[in-house]
Amino acid sequence: MKHSYPNPSADASRKLAMTFRARAARGQSMIEFVVICAALVAALFVPVIDDVSGGRRLSTAQLLIDSLQQGYQRTSGALSLPE
């Protein structure tokens, strides 16, 4: 029966390879995160035509802010009415 003894240099090279792969995976996920965030920011600020406001070119962020303001005004107006 043969016994295999651990090889310290093989263990060190295996550990180094695992560290390199982990670092590469972290680097790839960071690039994916940056690309997705850039795409979301670009999508928020690309001008689109808003038919409700008379065909003005507004960004998605501006449309969202306008909708939130209108909703708040309507809600506060409804709450201020007498019972």
Protein backbone atom coordinates (compact mmCIF):
# COMPACT_ATOMS: atom_id res chain seq x y z
CA MET A 1 0.00 0.00 0.00
CA LYS A 2 1.46 3.31 -1.07
CA HIS A 3 1.14 6.44 1.01
CA SER A 4 1.07 9.78 -0.71
CA TYR A 5 2.65 12.56 1.21
CA PRO A 6 1.55 16.15 0.66
CA ASN A 7 3.73 18.09 -1.69
CA PRO A 8 4.21 21.62 -0.29
CA SER A 9 5.11 23.17 -3.64
CA ALA A 10 2.04 21.61 -5.32
CA ASP A 11 -0.17 22.89 -2.50
CA ALA A 12 1.33 26.37 -2.83
CA SER A 13 0.82 26.46 -6.60
CA ARG A 14 -2.76 25.17 -6.21
CA LYS A 15 -3.47 27.86 -3.63
CA LEU A 16 -1.95 30.53 -5.89
CA ALA A 17 -4.08 29.37 -8.82
CA MET A 18 -7.23 29.48 -6.67
CA THR A 19 -6.34 32.98 -5.48
CA PHE A 20 -5.78 34.13 -9.05
CA ARG A 21 -9.14 32.69 -10.19
CA ALA A 22 -10.94 34.31 -7.26
CA ARG A 23 -9.33 37.66 -8.01
CA ALA A 24 -10.21 37.36 -11.71
CA ALA A 25 -13.81 36.52 -10.84
CA ARG A 26 -14.02 39.55 -8.55
CA GLY A 27 -12.61 41.71 -11.34
CA GLN A 28 -15.14 40.40 -13.83
CA SER A 29 -18.06 41.02 -11.49
CA MET A 30 -16.83 44.57 -10.87
CA ILE A 31 -16.77 45.24 -14.62
CA GLU A 32 -20.28 43.78 -15.00
CA PHE A 33 -21.52 45.98 -12.14
CA VAL A 34 -20.04 49.12 -13.72
CA VAL A 35 -21.49 48.30 -17.14
CA ILE A 36 -24.97 47.67 -15.72
CA CYS A 37 -24.88 50.87 -13.63
CA ALA A 38 -23.75 52.89 -16.64
CA ALA A 39 -26.58 51.44 -18.73
CA LEU A 40 -29.15 52.30 -16.03
CA VAL A 41 -27.86 55.87 -15.69
CA ALA A 42 -27.91 56.29 -19.47
CA ALA A 43 -31.47 54.96 -19.61
CA LEU A 44 -32.59 57.45 -16.96
CA PHE A 45 -31.21 60.47 -18.78
CA VAL A 46 -31.96 59.66 -22.43
CA PRO A 47 -34.61 62.13 -23.61
CA VAL A 48 -37.96 60.68 -24.63
CA ILE A 49 -41.04 62.44 -26.00
CA ASP A 50 -43.79 62.93 -23.44
CA ASP A 51 -47.19 63.13 -25.14
CA VAL A 52 -48.91 64.30 -21.94
CA SER A 53 -46.82 67.47 -21.64
CA GLY A 54 -47.34 68.55 -25.24
CA GLY A 55 -44.51 66.65 -26.90
CA ARG A 56 -41.66 68.05 -24.83
CA ARG A 57 -38.45 66.01 -24.78
CA LEU A 58 -37.97 64.93 -21.18
CA SER A 59 -35.67 62.34 -19.67
CA THR A 60 -37.02 59.32 -17.87
CA ALA A 61 -35.78 60.78 -14.57
CA GLN A 62 -37.69 64.01 -15.23
CA LEU A 63 -40.85 62.06 -16.08
CA LEU A 64 -40.49 60.08 -12.86
CA ILE A 65 -40.01 63.23 -10.78
CA ASP A 66 -42.99 64.93 -12.46
CA SER A 67 -45.19 61.89 -11.76
CA LEU A 68 -44.15 61.79 -8.12
CA GLN A 69 -44.85 65.52 -7.74
CA GLN A 70 -48.31 65.16 -9.29
CA GLY A 71 -49.11 62.20 -7.07
CA TYR A 72 -48.01 64.11 -3.96
CA GLN A 73 -50.07 67.17 -4.95
CA ARG A 74 -53.17 65.06 -5.56
CA THR A 75 -52.73 63.15 -2.30
CA SER A 76 -52.18 66.28 -0.22
CA GLY A 77 -55.13 67.94 -1.96
CA ALA A 78 -57.38 64.97 -1.18
CA LEU A 79 -56.23 64.93 2.47
CA SER A 80 -56.91 68.63 2.89
CA LEU A 81 -60.57 68.34 1.85
CA PRO A 82 -63.10 68.55 4.69
CA GLU A 83 -64.80 65.33 5.67
